[in-house]
Amino acid sequence: MSQRLQPGDVAPDFELLDADGDPVSLASLRGKRVILYFYPAAMTPGCTKEAVDFRDALPDLQAAGVTVVGISPDPPAKLAKFRDRDDLTFPLLSDPDTATLQAYGAYGEKKLYGKVVVGVIRSTFIIDPEGKIEKAYYNVKATGHVNRLRKDLGL
């Protein structure tokens, strides 16, 4: 399993395709506070709940100068369906080889229904405008996670 990131660490840069097949890099978001969240699979119940919660919180987050970006191993075409189906208004990025997931420690062994499997570890990072990790959350639950972030951000 990849090493977990800690507050103060430099956030690993990446360039991934969004739902429209356009490249997005972390470097292009420098100067903004970013919530980067990793989720296992588009259009599954837990991932939908989390994405919809981010969508609904987006006006408050944007008013506080925070940008939200979601990353999963799904191909751009599936991300586009997810975005369109649930009116998601923030970028969803495709990491099919899981290199970015691994760089953030968000891919590895986890328990699923009592069995140990290898896959995406639902994780979220708050990255400051200089590109450093402010907060790192691993093994988060889809339900209630966005509200916890809002509290931690003072919103």
N, C-alpha and C. Protein backbone atom coordinates (compact mmCIF):
# COMPACT_ATOMS: atom_id res chain seq x y z
N MET A 1 0.84 -1.19 0.00
CA MET A 1 0.00 0.00 0.00
C MET A 1 0.88 1.25 0.00
N SER A 2 0.41 2.28 -0.64
CA SER A 2 1.13 3.55 -0.71
C SER A 2 1.16 4.19 0.67
N GLN A 3 2.14 5.05 0.86
CA GLN A 3 2.25 5.77 2.12
C GLN A 3 1.16 6.83 2.20
N ARG A 4 0.62 7.01 3.37
CA ARG A 4 -0.42 8.01 3.56
C ARG A 4 0.19 9.40 3.70
N LEU A 5 -0.50 10.37 3.13
CA LEU A 5 -0.05 11.75 3.21
C LEU A 5 -0.48 12.37 4.53
N GLN A 6 0.30 13.34 4.97
CA GLN A 6 0.05 14.03 6.23
C GLN A 6 -0.04 15.53 5.98
N PRO A 7 -0.70 16.27 6.88
CA PRO A 7 -0.70 17.72 6.75
C PRO A 7 0.73 18.26 6.66
N GLY A 8 0.92 19.19 5.73
CA GLY A 8 2.24 19.77 5.49
C GLY A 8 2.96 19.13 4.32
N ASP A 9 2.57 17.91 3.93
CA ASP A 9 3.18 17.27 2.76
C ASP A 9 2.77 18.02 1.49
N VAL A 10 3.65 18.00 0.50
CA VAL A 10 3.31 18.56 -0.81
C VAL A 10 2.33 17.59 -1.48
N ALA A 11 1.23 18.12 -1.97
CA ALA A 11 0.23 17.29 -2.67
C ALA A 11 0.83 16.83 -4.00
N PRO A 12 0.83 15.53 -4.27
CA PRO A 12 1.37 15.05 -5.54
C PRO A 12 0.61 15.65 -6.73
N ASP A 13 1.37 16.17 -7.69
CA ASP A 13 0.73 16.74 -8.88
C ASP A 13 0.24 15.61 -9.77
N PHE A 14 -0.69 15.94 -10.64
CA PHE A 14 -1.23 14.97 -11.59
C PHE A 14 -1.80 15.72 -12.77
N GLU A 15 -2.00 15.00 -13.85
CA GLU A 15 -2.78 15.50 -14.98
C GLU A 15 -3.65 14.33 -15.42
N LEU A 16 -4.96 14.50 -15.29
CA LEU A 16 -5.93 13.46 -15.61
C LEU A 16 -7.01 14.03 -16.52
N LEU A 17 -7.69 13.14 -17.23
CA LEU A 17 -8.78 13.58 -18.10
C LEU A 17 -10.07 13.73 -17.30
N ASP A 18 -10.83 14.79 -17.62
CA ASP A 18 -12.13 14.98 -16.99
C ASP A 18 -13.20 14.23 -17.78
N ALA A 19 -14.45 14.41 -17.40
CA ALA A 19 -15.57 13.70 -18.02
C ALA A 19 -15.71 14.00 -19.51
N ASP A 20 -15.18 15.14 -19.95
CA ASP A 20 -15.23 15.51 -21.37
C ASP A 20 -13.96 15.13 -22.12
N GLY A 21 -13.02 14.47 -21.43
CA GLY A 21 -11.77 14.08 -22.07
C GLY A 21 -10.73 15.18 -22.10
N ASP A 22 -10.96 16.27 -21.35
CA ASP A 22 -10.00 17.38 -21.30
C ASP A 22 -9.05 17.19 -20.12
N PRO A 23 -7.76 17.51 -20.30
CA PRO A 23 -6.80 17.33 -19.20
C PRO A 23 -6.98 18.40 -18.12
N VAL A 24 -6.86 17.95 -16.87
CA VAL A 24 -6.89 18.83 -15.71
C VAL A 24 -5.71 18.44 -14.83
N SER A 25 -4.94 19.43 -14.39
CA SER A 25 -3.81 19.15 -13.51
C SER A 25 -4.00 19.85 -12.18
N LEU A 26 -3.36 19.32 -11.15
CA LEU A 26 -3.40 19.99 -9.86
C LEU A 26 -2.68 21.33 -9.97
N ALA A 27 -1.61 21.38 -10.75
CA ALA A 27 -0.87 22.63 -10.92
C ALA A 27 -1.77 23.74 -11.46
N SER A 28 -2.75 23.38 -12.29
CA SER A 28 -3.66 24.39 -12.85
C SER A 28 -4.59 24.98 -11.79
N LEU A 29 -4.66 24.33 -10.64
CA LEU A 29 -5.53 24.80 -9.54
C LEU A 29 -4.73 25.54 -8.47
N ARG A 30 -3.40 25.70 -8.68
CA ARG A 30 -2.56 26.38 -7.71
C ARG A 30 -3.11 27.78 -7.48
N GLY A 31 -3.08 28.22 -6.24
CA GLY A 31 -3.63 29.52 -5.88
C GLY A 31 -5.05 29.40 -5.34
N LYS A 32 -5.62 28.20 -5.44
CA LYS A 32 -6.96 27.95 -4.90
C LYS A 32 -6.87 26.90 -3.81
N ARG A 33 -7.79 26.97 -2.88
CA ARG A 33 -7.93 25.89 -1.89
C ARG A 33 -8.78 24.82 -2.56
N VAL A 34 -8.33 23.56 -2.49
CA VAL A 34 -8.97 22.47 -3.22
C VAL A 34 -9.37 21.35 -2.27
N ILE A 35 -10.60 20.87 -2.43
CA ILE A 35 -11.00 19.59 -1.83
C ILE A 35 -10.87 18.57 -2.94
N LEU A 36 -9.95 17.63 -2.74
CA LEU A 36 -9.73 16.55 -3.70
C LEU A 36 -10.25 15.29 -3.04
N TYR A 37 -11.27 14.68 -3.66
CA TYR A 37 -11.79 13.46 -3.04
C TYR A 37 -11.75 12.29 -4.01
N PHE A 38 -11.41 11.13 -3.46
CA PHE A 38 -11.26 9.90 -4.22
C PHE A 38 -12.41 8.96 -3.84
N TYR A 39 -13.06 8.41 -4.85
CA TYR A 39 -14.20 7.52 -4.61
C TYR A 39 -14.08 6.29 -5.51
N PRO A 40 -14.65 5.16 -5.07
CA PRO A 40 -14.45 3.90 -5.80
C PRO A 40 -15.08 3.80 -7.18
N ALA A 41 -16.34 4.20 -7.33
CA ALA A 41 -17.00 3.94 -8.62
C ALA A 41 -18.20 4.86 -8.84
N ALA A 42 -18.21 5.52 -9.98
CA ALA A 42 -19.33 6.38 -10.35
C ALA A 42 -20.63 5.57 -10.42
N MET A 43 -21.71 6.22 -10.06
CA MET A 43 -23.08 5.70 -10.17
C MET A 43 -23.38 4.54 -9.22
N THR A 44 -22.57 4.34 -8.19
CA THR A 44 -22.91 3.39 -7.14
C THR A 44 -23.57 4.17 -6.01
N PRO A 45 -24.34 3.51 -5.15
CA PRO A 45 -25.11 4.26 -4.15
C PRO A 45 -24.27 5.16 -3.24
N GLY A 46 -23.20 4.64 -2.65
CA GLY A 46 -22.39 5.46 -1.74
C GLY A 46 -21.70 6.61 -2.45
N CYS A 47 -21.17 6.33 -3.62
CA CYS A 47 -20.46 7.36 -4.37
C CYS A 47 -21.42 8.43 -4.88
N THR A 48 -22.63 8.02 -5.22
CA THR A 48 -23.65 8.99 -5.63
C THR A 48 -24.03 9.88 -4.46
N LYS A 49 -24.22 9.29 -3.28
CA LYS A 49 -24.58 10.07 -2.09
C LYS A 49 -23.51 11.11 -1.81
N GLU A 50 -22.24 10.69 -1.85
CA GLU A 50 -21.15 11.61 -1.57
C GLU A 50 -21.09 12.73 -2.62
N ALA A 51 -21.21 12.37 -3.90
CA ALA A 51 -21.13 13.37 -4.97
C ALA A 51 -22.28 14.37 -4.88
N VAL A 52 -23.48 13.89 -4.60
CA VAL A 52 -24.65 14.78 -4.48
C VAL A 52 -24.47 15.71 -3.28
N ASP A 53 -23.91 15.19 -2.18
CA ASP A 53 -23.65 16.05 -1.02
C ASP A 53 -22.65 17.15 -1.39
N PHE A 54 -21.60 16.81 -2.13
CA PHE A 54 -20.65 17.84 -2.58
C PHE A 54 -21.36 18.84 -3.50
N ARG A 55 -22.17 18.34 -4.42
CA ARG A 55 -22.91 19.23 -5.33
C ARG A 55 -23.77 20.21 -4.54
N ASP A 56 -24.49 19.71 -3.55
CA ASP A 56 -25.39 20.56 -2.77
C ASP A 56 -24.63 21.56 -1.89
N ALA A 57 -23.42 21.21 -1.47
CA ALA A 57 -22.60 22.10 -0.64
C ALA A 57 -21.76 23.07 -1.47
N LEU A 58 -21.72 22.85 -2.78
CA LEU A 58 -20.83 23.61 -3.64
C LEU A 58 -20.99 25.14 -3.54
N PRO A 59 -22.22 25.67 -3.50
CA PRO A 59 -22.32 27.14 -3.40
C PRO A 59 -21.60 27.69 -2.17
N ASP A 60 -21.75 27.04 -1.01
CA ASP A 60 -21.06 27.51 0.20
C ASP A 60 -19.56 27.32 0.09
N LEU A 61 -19.14 26.18 -0.47
CA LEU A 61 -17.71 25.93 -0.62
C LEU A 61 -17.08 26.94 -1.58
N GLN A 62 -17.74 27.19 -2.70
CA GLN A 62 -17.21 28.16 -3.67
C GLN A 62 -17.18 29.56 -3.09
N ALA A 63 -18.20 29.92 -2.30
CA ALA A 63 -18.22 31.24 -1.67
C ALA A 63 -17.04 31.41 -0.72
N ALA A 64 -16.56 30.29 -0.15
CA ALA A 64 -15.40 30.32 0.74
C ALA A 64 -14.10 30.14 -0.02
N GLY A 65 -14.18 30.12 -1.36
CA GLY A 65 -12.98 30.02 -2.19
C GLY A 65 -12.43 28.61 -2.34
N VAL A 66 -13.29 27.61 -2.14
CA VAL A 66 -12.85 26.21 -2.22
C VAL A 66 -13.35 25.59 -3.53
N THR A 67 -12.45 24.91 -4.23
CA THR A 67 -12.76 24.17 -5.45
C THR A 67 -12.86 22.69 -5.10
N VAL A 68 -13.85 21.99 -5.64
CA VAL A 68 -14.02 20.55 -5.40
C VAL A 68 -13.68 19.78 -6.68
N VAL A 69 -12.91 18.69 -6.51
CA VAL A 69 -12.56 17.81 -7.61
C VAL A 69 -12.69 16.37 -7.12
N GLY A 70 -13.39 15.53 -7.91
CA GLY A 70 -13.53 14.11 -7.58
C GLY A 70 -12.70 13.27 -8.53
N ILE A 71 -12.09 12.19 -8.00
CA ILE A 71 -11.27 11.29 -8.82
C ILE A 71 -11.67 9.84 -8.56
N SER A 72 -11.82 9.08 -9.65
CA SER A 72 -12.08 7.64 -9.55
C SER A 72 -11.39 6.95 -10.72
N PRO A 73 -11.33 5.61 -10.71
CA PRO A 73 -10.72 4.90 -11.83
C PRO A 73 -11.62 4.80 -13.07
N ASP A 74 -12.83 5.32 -12.99
CA ASP A 74 -13.80 5.22 -14.09
C ASP A 74 -13.31 5.95 -15.34
N PRO A 75 -13.65 5.44 -16.54
CA PRO A 75 -13.29 6.13 -17.78
C PRO A 75 -14.12 7.42 -17.94
N PRO A 76 -13.63 8.39 -18.71
CA PRO A 76 -14.35 9.65 -18.89
C PRO A 76 -15.80 9.48 -19.33
N ALA A 77 -16.11 8.53 -20.19
CA ALA A 77 -17.50 8.35 -20.66
C ALA A 77 -18.44 8.02 -19.50
N LYS A 78 -17.99 7.19 -18.57
CA LYS A 78 -18.83 6.86 -17.41
C LYS A 78 -18.96 8.07 -16.49
N LEU A 79 -17.88 8.83 -16.35
CA LEU A 79 -17.94 10.05 -15.53
C LEU A 79 -18.93 11.04 -16.12
N ALA A 80 -18.97 11.15 -17.45
CA ALA A 80 -19.93 12.05 -18.11
C ALA A 80 -21.36 11.62 -17.82
N LYS A 81 -21.63 10.32 -17.88
CA LYS A 81 -22.98 9.82 -17.55
C LYS A 81 -23.34 10.15 -16.11
N PHE A 82 -22.39 9.94 -15.19
CA PHE A 82 -22.58 10.23 -13.76
C PHE A 82 -22.88 11.71 -13.57
N ARG A 83 -22.05 12.54 -14.17
CA ARG A 83 -22.22 14.01 -14.07
C ARG A 83 -23.60 14.42 -14.57
N ASP A 84 -23.96 13.93 -15.74
CA ASP A 84 -25.23 14.33 -16.36
C ASP A 84 -26.42 13.78 -15.59
N ARG A 85 -26.33 12.55 -15.14
CA ARG A 85 -27.45 11.92 -14.41
C ARG A 85 -27.76 12.65 -13.12
N ASP A 86 -26.70 13.08 -12.40
CA ASP A 86 -26.89 13.67 -11.08
C ASP A 86 -26.61 15.17 -11.02
N ASP A 87 -26.54 15.82 -12.19
CA ASP A 87 -26.31 17.27 -12.26
C ASP A 87 -25.11 17.70 -11.43
N LEU A 88 -24.01 16.98 -11.57
CA LEU A 88 -22.79 17.30 -10.82
C LEU A 88 -22.09 18.46 -11.51
N THR A 89 -21.75 19.48 -10.73
CA THR A 89 -21.25 20.73 -11.30
C THR A 89 -19.80 21.02 -10.93
N PHE A 90 -19.06 19.97 -10.64
CA PHE A 90 -17.63 20.10 -10.35
C PHE A 90 -16.90 19.03 -11.15
N PRO A 91 -15.59 19.20 -11.39
CA PRO A 91 -14.87 18.25 -12.23
C PRO A 91 -14.77 16.85 -11.63
N LEU A 92 -14.99 15.85 -12.48
CA LEU A 92 -14.76 14.45 -12.14
C LEU A 92 -13.62 13.99 -13.04
N LEU A 93 -12.57 13.44 -12.44
CA LEU A 93 -11.38 13.06 -13.20
C LEU A 93 -11.20 11.55 -13.21
N SER A 94 -10.65 11.06 -14.31
CA SER A 94 -10.45 9.63 -14.54
C SER A 94 -9.00 9.24 -14.27
N ASP A 95 -8.81 8.24 -13.39
CA ASP A 95 -7.48 7.73 -13.06
C ASP A 95 -7.47 6.21 -13.28
N PRO A 96 -7.57 5.78 -14.56
CA PRO A 96 -7.74 4.35 -14.84
C PRO A 96 -6.58 3.46 -14.41
N ASP A 97 -5.36 4.00 -14.38
CA ASP A 97 -4.22 3.17 -13.96
C ASP A 97 -3.93 3.31 -12.46
N THR A 98 -4.75 4.08 -11.77
CA THR A 98 -4.70 4.32 -10.31
C THR A 98 -3.39 4.95 -9.84
N ALA A 99 -2.60 5.52 -10.72
CA ALA A 99 -1.32 6.13 -10.32
C ALA A 99 -1.53 7.29 -9.35
N THR A 100 -2.53 8.13 -9.62
CA THR A 100 -2.79 9.27 -8.73
C THR A 100 -3.39 8.77 -7.42
N LEU A 101 -4.31 7.82 -7.50
CA LEU A 101 -4.87 7.22 -6.28
C LEU A 101 -3.75 6.69 -5.39
N GLN A 102 -2.80 5.99 -5.99
CA GLN A 102 -1.70 5.42 -5.23
C GLN A 102 -0.80 6.51 -4.66
N ALA A 103 -0.55 7.57 -5.42
CA ALA A 103 0.30 8.66 -4.95
C ALA A 103 -0.27 9.33 -3.70
N TYR A 104 -1.60 9.30 -3.57
CA TYR A 104 -2.26 9.89 -2.41
C TYR A 104 -2.54 8.86 -1.31
N GLY A 105 -2.12 7.61 -1.50
CA GLY A 105 -2.39 6.57 -0.51
C GLY A 105 -3.85 6.18 -0.47
N ALA A 106 -4.57 6.44 -1.57
CA ALA A 106 -6.01 6.18 -1.62
C ALA A 106 -6.33 4.90 -2.41
N TYR A 107 -5.35 4.03 -2.54
CA TYR A 107 -5.57 2.76 -3.24
C TYR A 107 -4.76 1.70 -2.52
N GLY A 108 -5.39 0.59 -2.19
CA GLY A 108 -4.68 -0.49 -1.51
C GLY A 108 -5.64 -1.45 -0.86
N GLU A 109 -5.16 -2.16 0.15
CA GLU A 109 -6.00 -3.13 0.84
C GLU A 109 -7.04 -2.43 1.70
N LYS A 110 -8.24 -2.98 1.67
CA LYS A 110 -9.32 -2.47 2.50
C LYS A 110 -10.27 -3.63 2.77
N LYS A 111 -11.12 -3.45 3.78
CA LYS A 111 -12.11 -4.48 4.06
C LYS A 111 -13.42 -4.12 3.37
N LEU A 112 -13.99 -5.10 2.70
CA LEU A 112 -15.26 -4.91 2.02
C LEU A 112 -16.13 -6.11 2.35
N TYR A 113 -17.20 -5.86 3.09
CA TYR A 113 -18.09 -6.94 3.51
C TYR A 113 -17.32 -8.05 4.22
N GLY A 114 -16.36 -7.65 5.07
CA GLY A 114 -15.62 -8.60 5.88
C GLY A 114 -14.45 -9.27 5.20
N LYS A 115 -14.24 -9.00 3.92
CA LYS A 115 -13.12 -9.58 3.19
C LYS A 115 -12.10 -8.51 2.86
N VAL A 116 -10.83 -8.91 2.83
CA VAL A 116 -9.78 -7.97 2.44
C VAL A 116 -9.68 -7.98 0.92
N VAL A 117 -9.81 -6.80 0.32
CA VAL A 117 -9.72 -6.64 -1.13
C VAL A 117 -8.76 -5.47 -1.41
N VAL A 118 -8.33 -5.37 -2.65
CA VAL A 118 -7.51 -4.23 -3.07
C VAL A 118 -8.39 -3.34 -3.94
N GLY A 119 -8.40 -2.07 -3.62
CA GLY A 119 -9.23 -1.14 -4.38
C GLY A 119 -9.07 0.28 -3.88
N VAL A 120 -10.00 1.14 -4.29
CA VAL A 120 -9.99 2.55 -3.90
C VAL A 120 -10.40 2.67 -2.44
N ILE A 121 -9.60 3.40 -1.69
CA ILE A 121 -9.90 3.72 -0.29
C ILE A 121 -10.52 5.12 -0.31
N ARG A 122 -11.81 5.21 0.03
CA ARG A 122 -12.50 6.51 -0.02
C ARG A 122 -11.74 7.49 0.87
N SER A 123 -11.19 8.52 0.25
CA SER A 123 -10.30 9.46 0.94
C SER A 123 -10.54 10.88 0.42
N THR A 124 -10.26 11.85 1.27
CA THR A 124 -10.43 13.25 0.90
C THR A 124 -9.27 14.06 1.44
N PHE A 125 -8.86 15.06 0.65
CA PHE A 125 -7.75 15.92 1.03
C PHE A 125 -8.15 17.37 0.84
N ILE A 126 -7.79 18.20 1.81
CA ILE A 126 -7.90 19.64 1.64
C ILE A 126 -6.48 20.11 1.32
N ILE A 127 -6.35 20.77 0.17
CA ILE A 127 -5.04 21.23 -0.31
C ILE A 127 -5.05 22.76 -0.30
N ASP A 128 -4.02 23.33 0.31
CA ASP A 128 -3.97 24.80 0.42
C ASP A 128 -3.54 25.42 -0.92
N PRO A 129 -3.65 26.75 -1.04
CA PRO A 129 -3.33 27.41 -2.32
C PRO A 129 -1.89 27.22 -2.80
N GLU A 130 -0.99 26.87 -1.88
CA GLU A 130 0.40 26.63 -2.26
C GLU A 130 0.65 25.18 -2.67
N GLY A 131 -0.39 24.34 -2.58
CA GLY A 131 -0.24 22.95 -3.00
C GLY A 131 0.18 22.00 -1.91
N LYS A 132 -0.02 22.38 -0.66
CA LYS A 132 0.32 21.50 0.47
C LYS A 132 -0.95 20.93 1.08
N ILE A 133 -0.82 19.73 1.63
CA ILE A 133 -1.95 19.07 2.29
C ILE A 133 -2.26 19.80 3.60
N GLU A 134 -3.50 20.28 3.72
CA GLU A 134 -3.96 20.87 4.99
C GLU A 134 -4.52 19.79 5.89
N LYS A 135 -5.37 18.95 5.30
CA LYS A 135 -5.99 17.85 6.05
C LYS A 135 -6.08 16.64 5.13
N ALA A 136 -5.92 15.46 5.73
CA ALA A 136 -6.05 14.20 4.99
C ALA A 136 -7.01 13.30 5.75
N TYR A 137 -8.02 12.82 5.06
CA TYR A 137 -9.03 11.94 5.65
C TYR A 137 -9.01 10.63 4.87
N TYR A 138 -8.77 9.52 5.56
CA TYR A 138 -8.77 8.20 4.92
C TYR A 138 -9.91 7.36 5.46
N ASN A 139 -10.38 6.43 4.64
CA ASN A 139 -11.46 5.50 5.03
C ASN A 139 -12.70 6.26 5.50
N VAL A 140 -13.06 7.30 4.77
CA VAL A 140 -14.23 8.08 5.16
C VAL A 140 -15.52 7.35 4.74
N LYS A 141 -16.58 7.68 5.42
CA LYS A 141 -17.91 7.18 5.06
C LYS A 141 -18.54 8.18 4.10
N ALA A 142 -19.27 7.68 3.13
CA ALA A 142 -19.90 8.56 2.15
C ALA A 142 -20.93 9.47 2.81
N THR A 143 -21.72 8.92 3.71
CA THR A 143 -22.79 9.68 4.36
C THR A 143 -22.21 10.52 5.50
N GLY A 144 -22.49 11.81 5.47
CA GLY A 144 -22.06 12.71 6.53
C GLY A 144 -20.66 13.29 6.35
N HIS A 145 -19.93 12.81 5.38
CA HIS A 145 -18.56 13.26 5.19
C HIS A 145 -18.48 14.73 4.79
N VAL A 146 -19.33 15.16 3.88
CA VAL A 146 -19.30 16.55 3.42
C VAL A 146 -19.64 17.50 4.57
N ASN A 147 -20.59 17.12 5.42
CA ASN A 147 -20.91 17.96 6.58
C ASN A 147 -19.71 18.08 7.51
N ARG A 148 -18.97 17.00 7.69
CA ARG A 148 -17.76 17.05 8.54
C ARG A 148 -16.74 18.01 7.92
N LEU A 149 -16.56 17.94 6.61
CA LEU A 149 -15.63 18.85 5.94
C LEU A 149 -16.06 20.31 6.13
N ARG A 150 -17.34 20.54 5.98
CA ARG A 150 -17.86 21.91 6.14
C ARG A 150 -17.54 22.43 7.54
N LYS A 151 -17.75 21.60 8.55
CA LYS A 151 -17.42 22.00 9.93
C LYS A 151 -15.94 22.26 10.08
N ASP A 152 -15.10 21.37 9.53
CA ASP A 152 -13.65 21.54 9.65
C ASP A 152 -13.18 22.80 8.92
N LEU A 153 -13.90 23.20 7.88
CA LEU A 153 -13.57 24.42 7.13
C LEU A 153 -14.21 25.67 7.75
N GLY A 154 -15.03 25.47 8.77
CA GLY A 154 -15.69 26.59 9.43
C GLY A 154 -16.84 27.16 8.63
N LEU A 155 -17.53 26.32 7.84
CA LEU A 155 -18.64 26.78 7.02
C LEU A 155 -19.97 26.35 7.59
